[in-house]
Protein backbone atom coordinates (compact mmCIF):
# COMPACT_ATOMS: atom_id res chain seq x y z
CA MET A 1 0.00 0.00 0.00
CA SER A 2 1.46 3.38 -0.99
CA ALA A 3 1.84 6.14 1.57
CA SER A 4 -0.69 9.02 1.43
CA PRO A 5 0.76 12.43 0.50
CA PRO A 6 1.20 14.80 3.44
CA LEU A 7 -1.68 17.22 3.97
CA LEU A 8 -0.92 20.94 3.54
CA ASN A 9 -1.98 23.26 6.33
CA PRO A 10 -4.63 25.61 4.92
CA SER A 11 -3.83 29.35 5.02
CA PRO A 12 -5.61 31.21 7.74
CA ALA A 13 -8.66 33.10 6.53
CA LEU A 14 -8.03 36.81 6.01
CA PRO A 15 -10.57 39.36 7.16
CA LEU A 16 -12.41 40.87 4.22
CA SER A 17 -13.27 44.21 5.70
CA GLY A 18 -12.33 46.57 8.47
CA GLU A 19 -8.97 47.84 9.58
CA GLY A 20 -7.61 44.32 10.06
CA GLY A 21 -8.53 43.43 6.53
CA SER A 22 -6.77 46.42 5.11
CA GLY A 23 -3.68 45.73 7.16
CA ALA A 24 -3.61 42.02 6.21
CA ALA A 25 -4.10 42.88 2.57
CA ARG A 26 -1.23 45.34 2.66
CA ALA A 27 0.96 42.78 4.42
CA ALA A 28 0.16 40.18 1.76
CA GLY A 29 1.02 42.64 -1.00
CA PHE A 30 -2.56 43.23 -2.14
CA PRO A 31 -4.06 46.72 -2.55
CA PRO A 32 -6.46 47.63 0.21
CA ALA A 33 -10.08 46.89 -0.49
CA LYS A 34 -12.25 49.86 -1.49
CA GLY A 35 -15.06 50.89 0.78
CA GLY A 36 -13.37 50.17 4.08
CA ARG A 37 -13.94 52.28 7.14
CA GLY A 38 -10.57 53.98 6.73
CA ASP A 39 -11.24 55.01 3.15
CA LEU A 40 -14.73 56.24 4.01
CA ALA A 41 -13.36 58.31 6.88
CA GLU A 42 -10.70 59.85 4.64
CA ARG A 43 -13.23 60.74 1.95
CA ALA A 44 -15.66 62.18 4.49
CA HIS A 45 -12.88 64.29 5.99
CA ALA A 46 -11.90 65.57 2.54
CA GLN A 47 -15.51 66.42 1.72
CA ARG A 48 -16.01 68.30 4.99
CA GLY A 49 -12.85 70.34 4.41
CA PHE A 50 -13.79 71.22 0.84
CA THR A 51 -17.28 72.33 1.85
CA LEU A 52 -15.90 74.52 4.64
CA ILE A 53 -13.54 76.23 2.20
CA GLU A 54 -16.40 76.85 -0.22
CA VAL A 55 -18.52 78.41 2.51
CA MET A 56 -15.66 80.67 3.61
CA VAL A 57 -15.05 81.83 0.03
CA VAL A 58 -18.74 82.57 -0.51
CA LEU A 59 -18.94 84.55 2.73
CA VAL A 60 -15.90 86.62 1.76
CA ILE A 61 -17.37 87.35 -1.70
CA MET A 62 -20.72 88.32 -0.19
CA GLY A 63 -19.02 90.66 2.26
CA VAL A 64 -17.04 92.37 -0.51
CA MET A 65 -20.17 92.73 -2.67
CA ALA A 66 -22.20 94.18 0.22
CA THR A 67 -19.49 96.74 0.93
CA GLY A 68 -19.26 97.72 -2.73
CA ILE A 69 -23.02 98.09 -3.09
CA SER A 70 -23.22 100.30 0.02
CA LEU A 71 -20.44 102.56 -1.22
CA GLY A 72 -22.05 102.72 -4.67
CA ILE A 73 -25.43 103.73 -3.27
CA ASP A 74 -23.87 106.44 -1.09
CA SER A 75 -21.98 107.88 -4.05
CA LEU A 76 -25.04 107.74 -6.32
CA ARG A 77 -27.25 109.74 -3.95
CA GLY A 78 -25.41 112.97 -4.69
CA ARG A 79 -25.25 112.24 -8.40
CA ASP A 80 -28.98 111.46 -8.51
CA ALA A 81 -29.79 114.87 -7.02
CA ASP A 82 -27.46 116.67 -9.43
CA GLN A 83 -28.86 114.80 -12.41
CA ALA A 84 -32.43 115.54 -11.31
CA LEU A 85 -31.69 119.27 -11.16
CA LYS A 86 -30.02 119.29 -14.58
CA ARG A 87 -32.88 117.29 -16.05
CA LEU A 88 -35.44 119.71 -14.60
CA ARG A 89 -33.68 122.61 -16.29
CA LEU A 90 -33.90 120.84 -19.67
CA VAL A 91 -37.54 119.95 -19.04
CA LEU A 92 -38.41 123.58 -18.30
CA GLU A 93 -36.76 124.70 -21.54
CA ALA A 94 -38.43 121.90 -23.53
CA SER A 95 -41.83 122.90 -22.14
CA ALA A 96 -41.33 126.49 -23.26
CA ASP A 97 -40.23 125.35 -26.74
CA ARG A 98 -43.15 122.96 -27.21
CA ALA A 99 -45.76 125.49 -26.12
CA SER A 100 -44.27 128.13 -28.40
CA VAL A 101 -44.03 125.86 -31.46
CA ARG A 102 -47.44 124.19 -31.11
CA GLY A 103 -49.27 127.29 -29.94
CA ARG A 104 -51.00 125.40 -27.10
CA PRO A 105 -50.29 126.11 -23.42
CA ILE A 106 -48.40 123.55 -21.35
CA ALA A 107 -48.22 123.51 -17.58
CA ILE A 108 -45.89 121.83 -15.12
CA GLU A 109 -47.74 120.94 -11.95
CA LEU A 110 -45.47 120.87 -8.91
CA LEU A 111 -46.55 117.97 -6.72
CA PRO A 112 -45.44 117.50 -3.09
CA ASP A 113 -42.83 114.92 -4.15
CA GLY A 114 -42.37 115.55 -7.85
CA TYR A 115 -43.97 117.04 -10.95
CA ARG A 116 -46.22 116.18 -13.89
CA PHE A 117 -47.46 117.83 -17.06
CA ALA A 118 -50.79 119.03 -18.42
CA ALA A 119 -51.80 120.45 -21.78
CA LEU A 120 -54.73 122.65 -22.73
CA ASP A 121 -56.88 120.88 -25.33
CA ALA A 122 -59.08 122.41 -28.04
CA ASP A 123 -61.99 122.68 -25.58
CA ASP A 124 -59.86 124.68 -23.15
CA ASN A 125 -59.66 121.82 -20.69
CA TRP A 126 -56.45 120.81 -18.99
CA ARG A 127 -55.55 117.21 -19.80
CA PRO A 128 -52.65 115.14 -18.49
CA LEU A 129 -49.71 115.28 -20.88
CA ILE A 130 -47.69 112.08 -21.11
CA ASP A 131 -45.13 112.03 -23.89
CA PRO A 132 -41.96 110.15 -22.81
CA PRO A 133 -39.14 110.56 -22.33
CA VAL A 134 -39.40 114.28 -21.53
CA PHE A 135 -43.03 114.84 -20.65
CA THR A 136 -43.71 112.18 -18.05
CA GLU A 137 -44.42 112.32 -14.33
CA ARG A 138 -41.30 112.36 -12.20
CA THR A 139 -40.52 111.94 -8.50
CA LEU A 140 -37.83 114.07 -6.91
CA PRO A 141 -34.90 112.10 -5.44
CA ALA A 142 -34.48 111.90 -1.67
CA GLY A 143 -33.10 115.16 -0.29
CA LEU A 144 -34.81 117.43 -2.82
CA ALA A 145 -38.02 119.39 -2.22
CA TRP A 146 -39.77 122.41 -3.67
CA ALA A 147 -38.81 125.62 -1.89
CA GLY A 148 -40.96 128.13 -3.80
CA LEU A 149 -42.08 129.53 -7.12
CA ARG A 150 -42.32 133.20 -7.93
CA LEU A 151 -43.61 134.48 -11.27
CA ASP A 152 -42.44 137.85 -12.54
CA GLY A 153 -44.51 140.61 -10.96
CA GLN A 154 -46.53 138.19 -8.83
CA ALA A 155 -46.46 137.00 -5.24
CA GLU A 156 -45.19 133.61 -4.16
CA ALA A 157 -47.22 130.77 -5.68
CA SER A 158 -49.59 128.62 -3.65
CA ALA A 159 -48.75 125.32 -1.98
CA ALA A 160 -49.66 123.45 -5.19
CA PRO A 161 -48.34 125.80 -7.89
CA ARG A 162 -48.57 125.39 -11.64
CA LEU A 163 -45.97 126.84 -13.98
CA GLN A 164 -47.69 127.59 -17.28
CA PHE A 165 -46.03 128.12 -20.67
CA GLY A 166 -47.71 129.70 -23.68
CA THR A 167 -46.62 131.16 -26.97
CA GLN A 168 -44.25 133.28 -24.89
CA ALA A 169 -42.48 131.82 -21.90
CA PRO A 170 -43.01 133.50 -18.53
CA GLU A 171 -40.24 134.93 -16.41
CA TYR A 172 -40.03 133.10 -13.11
CA GLU A 173 -37.82 131.87 -10.32
CA LEU A 174 -38.23 128.27 -9.15
CA ARG A 175 -36.36 127.17 -6.02
CA VAL A 176 -35.55 123.62 -4.99
CA ALA A 177 -34.27 122.80 -1.52
CA THR A 178 -31.20 120.52 -1.45
CA PRO A 179 -29.05 119.28 1.45
CA GLY A 180 -26.53 122.03 0.63
CA GLY A 181 -29.03 124.86 0.23
CA ASN A 182 -31.51 126.09 -2.36
CA ALA A 183 -30.96 125.55 -6.07
CA ARG A 184 -32.53 128.28 -8.21
CA PHE A 185 -33.98 128.05 -11.72
CA THR A 186 -34.34 131.44 -13.40
CA GLY A 187 -36.61 131.35 -16.45
CA LYS A 188 -36.27 134.00 -19.15
CA ALA A 189 -38.86 135.25 -21.63
CA SER A 190 -36.82 133.59 -24.40
CA GLY A 191 -37.39 130.19 -22.81
CA GLU A 192 -33.82 129.90 -21.55
CA VAL A 193 -33.43 128.59 -17.99
CA ILE A 194 -30.39 129.33 -15.85
CA LEU A 195 -29.61 126.90 -13.04
CA SER A 196 -27.76 128.28 -10.01
CA LEU A 197 -26.59 125.59 -7.62
CA PRO A 198 -26.07 126.23 -3.89
CA GLY A 199 -22.96 128.32 -3.30
CA GLN A 200 -23.01 129.90 -6.74
CA GLY A 201 -23.71 133.58 -7.27
CA ALA A 202 -26.87 134.98 -8.80
CA PRO A 203 -27.03 134.89 -12.64
């Protein structure tokens, strides 16, 4: 009878997952298995760090944008008032020109917070005049307010004055209160309007 071949000792079973599995796999020369607790922890840590950096960058950008917007608004307030005064001067001159050319009276009604236009129709009734971009209702910017209207040879106008233009423009002085003092619009019979800003001498 022939002798049986010697039995080989089986290799010990290797853990398939967990830290022990990764260590045994590395010791045996195999790459660590994907999805182990160590790999998951590393990926989770990387994701948390990346998200924190994103949040910090967004907060910094938002802070810079908020600061820029605030500075822009502050700088625009003064420019808005200046532009409104210059536009009003052009509107006054355009009203005189239109009334003279068309031969129909036009009036600028000074509202508590702005102004609007009216035109005299063929039946001698005042109708709202809306003809953009010049003849449209406007609101005065913050910081501006009507300070008074005086027509040539007449007393100060009422609380709700109306500046009327016909075939010949009236002579008048319109004052607008600004944070730096009163701006003055001086209307001539030719239709020309001279704007004197606060601190400037009389025309």
